[in-house]
Amino acid sequence: MTTAARPTPAQMPRRRPAPAAPEAPALDPRPAHRKPWERAILASSLPGNFRFVAIALSTHADGRGHFARQPRVIGLVHDTGLHVHQVRVALAALCSRGFLRQSPADAPIDNADLVLTLPPGALARARRTQTTTNRSSADA
């Protein structure tokens, strides 16, 4: 019994190109003020470690959301006591969810300059959460 020869990669049919990824929502390029940014972070559904890194990061920002001196990953590791990988993952998640912008955008997170930004709707969610909390504490 003979078996048919296996096709080579060149003989295989071409694959269709993958569909284009949906575009990310447009982010406001202006920096966010520190206090509203912190309220938005605390009202978000981010995991605890991510919020911890975000608040530690915000302590290095001035009131307008700018960093006079970038804390970098190693500085946040010292501030939080978390592992380097945990801080990198948290920063990457904050960037992907629109809470941070890195400059230049293609730089590694270790060397990029960070700017606090608010994703669309985050401030409104933080205000709703704060209003709900204020009402519940007044009812008690």
Protein backbone atom coordinates (compact mmCIF):
# COMPACT_ATOMS: atom_id res chain seq x y z
CA MET A 1 0.00 0.00 0.00
CA THR A 2 1.39 3.37 -0.97
CA THR A 3 0.51 6.64 0.67
CA ALA A 4 0.03 9.88 -1.14
CA ALA A 5 2.81 12.42 -0.84
CA ARG A 6 2.17 15.13 1.70
CA PRO A 7 1.79 18.63 0.22
CA THR A 8 4.53 21.15 0.78
CA PRO A 9 3.75 24.58 2.27
CA ALA A 10 4.00 26.09 -1.21
CA GLN A 11 1.24 23.76 -2.42
CA MET A 12 -1.15 24.60 0.40
CA PRO A 13 -4.04 26.94 -0.41
CA ARG A 14 -3.62 30.55 0.66
CA ARG A 15 -5.38 31.72 3.80
CA ARG A 16 -7.70 34.67 3.80
CA PRO A 17 -6.29 37.67 5.63
CA ALA A 18 -7.53 38.09 9.17
CA PRO A 19 -10.23 40.71 9.60
CA ALA A 20 -8.95 44.10 10.68
CA ALA A 21 -9.11 44.74 14.39
CA PRO A 22 -11.73 47.29 15.40
CA GLU A 23 -10.32 50.72 16.02
CA ALA A 24 -9.81 51.73 19.60
CA PRO A 25 -11.95 54.62 20.79
CA ALA A 26 -10.37 58.00 20.35
CA LEU A 27 -8.64 59.12 23.52
CA ASP A 28 -8.36 62.65 24.74
CA PRO A 29 -4.67 63.53 24.24
CA ARG A 30 -4.72 66.14 27.00
CA PRO A 31 -3.49 65.09 30.42
CA ALA A 32 -6.08 64.49 33.11
CA HIS A 33 -6.07 66.37 36.39
CA ARG A 34 -4.85 64.21 39.24
CA LYS A 35 -7.88 64.20 41.59
CA PRO A 36 -10.54 63.31 38.97
CA TRP A 37 -8.14 60.70 37.58
CA GLU A 38 -7.76 59.11 41.02
CA ARG A 39 -11.56 59.08 41.49
CA ALA A 40 -11.97 57.42 38.08
CA ILE A 41 -9.34 54.79 38.95
CA LEU A 42 -10.98 53.98 42.29
CA ALA A 43 -14.44 53.75 40.66
CA SER A 44 -13.17 51.50 37.85
CA SER A 45 -13.47 47.75 37.68
CA LEU A 46 -9.70 47.31 37.51
CA PRO A 47 -8.18 44.58 39.70
CA GLY A 48 -6.78 45.68 43.04
CA ASN A 49 -3.11 45.48 42.03
CA PHE A 50 -3.76 47.65 38.98
CA ARG A 51 -5.52 50.30 41.08
CA PHE A 52 -2.71 50.12 43.65
CA VAL A 53 -0.08 50.78 40.96
CA ALA A 54 -2.23 53.57 39.48
CA ILE A 55 -2.59 55.39 42.80
CA ALA A 56 1.14 54.95 43.52
CA LEU A 57 1.82 56.41 40.07
CA SER A 58 -0.48 59.35 40.67
CA THR A 59 1.45 60.35 43.80
CA HIS A 60 4.31 61.31 41.47
CA ALA A 61 2.08 63.57 39.32
CA ASP A 62 1.34 67.20 39.96
CA GLY A 63 -2.23 68.50 40.13
CA ARG A 64 -2.46 68.79 36.35
CA GLY A 65 -1.42 65.18 35.68
CA HIS A 66 2.15 65.88 34.57
CA PHE A 67 5.22 64.17 35.95
CA ALA A 68 8.18 66.39 36.79
CA ARG A 69 10.23 63.22 37.17
CA GLN A 70 8.98 59.96 35.70
CA PRO A 71 8.79 57.23 38.39
CA ARG A 72 9.60 54.40 35.92
CA VAL A 73 8.85 50.76 36.63
CA ILE A 74 11.61 50.28 39.17
CA GLY A 75 10.38 53.29 41.16
CA LEU A 76 6.86 51.87 41.23
CA VAL A 77 8.26 48.50 42.34
CA HIS A 78 9.87 50.24 45.31
CA ASP A 79 6.72 52.28 46.03
CA THR A 80 4.31 49.33 45.94
CA GLY A 81 6.38 46.33 46.96
CA LEU A 82 4.99 44.42 43.98
CA HIS A 83 7.08 42.33 41.58
CA VAL A 84 8.45 43.99 38.43
CA HIS A 85 6.23 41.84 36.21
CA GLN A 86 3.10 42.81 38.18
CA VAL A 87 3.90 46.50 37.76
CA ARG A 88 4.56 46.10 34.02
CA VAL A 89 1.27 44.25 33.52
CA ALA A 90 -0.61 46.89 35.51
CA LEU A 91 0.92 49.73 33.47
CA ALA A 92 0.17 47.94 30.21
CA ALA A 93 -3.45 47.44 31.31
CA LEU A 94 -3.77 51.09 32.32
CA CYS A 95 -2.44 52.13 28.91
CA SER A 96 -4.74 49.75 27.02
CA ARG A 97 -7.80 50.94 28.97
CA GLY A 98 -7.00 54.59 28.31
CA PHE A 99 -5.94 55.69 31.79
CA LEU A 100 -2.33 56.27 30.72
CA ARG A 101 -0.63 57.40 27.55
CA GLN A 102 2.99 56.59 26.92
CA SER A 103 5.29 58.69 24.83
CA PRO A 104 6.65 57.55 22.46
CA ALA A 105 3.84 55.05 21.95
CA ASP A 106 6.11 52.26 20.71
CA ALA A 107 8.69 52.58 23.51
CA PRO A 108 8.99 49.80 26.08
CA ILE A 109 6.94 50.58 29.19
CA ASP A 110 10.17 50.65 31.23
CA ASN A 111 11.50 53.69 29.32
CA ALA A 112 8.36 55.49 28.17
CA ASP A 113 7.22 58.79 29.60
CA LEU A 114 3.73 58.44 31.04
CA VAL A 115 0.84 60.92 31.07
CA LEU A 116 -2.41 60.51 33.02
CA THR A 117 -5.43 60.45 30.67
CA LEU A 118 -9.11 59.72 31.20
CA PRO A 119 -10.92 57.30 28.91
CA PRO A 120 -14.32 58.42 27.64
CA GLY A 121 -17.00 57.97 30.30
CA ALA A 122 -14.62 57.27 33.19
CA LEU A 123 -15.19 60.59 34.89
CA ALA A 124 -18.97 60.26 34.61
CA ARG A 125 -18.81 56.76 36.17
CA ALA A 126 -16.66 58.12 39.00
CA ARG A 127 -19.15 60.92 39.65
CA ARG A 128 -22.08 58.46 39.69
CA THR A 129 -20.22 56.21 42.12
CA GLN A 130 -19.34 59.15 44.36
CA THR A 131 -22.95 60.40 44.33
CA THR A 132 -24.25 56.93 45.21
CA THR A 133 -21.72 56.61 48.04
CA ASN A 134 -22.63 60.06 49.40
CA ARG A 135 -26.34 59.21 49.37
CA SER A 136 -25.86 55.87 51.12
CA SER A 137 -23.69 57.43 53.84
CA ALA A 138 -26.27 60.21 54.37
CA ASP A 139 -29.06 57.62 54.74
CA ALA A 140 -27.17 55.72 57.43
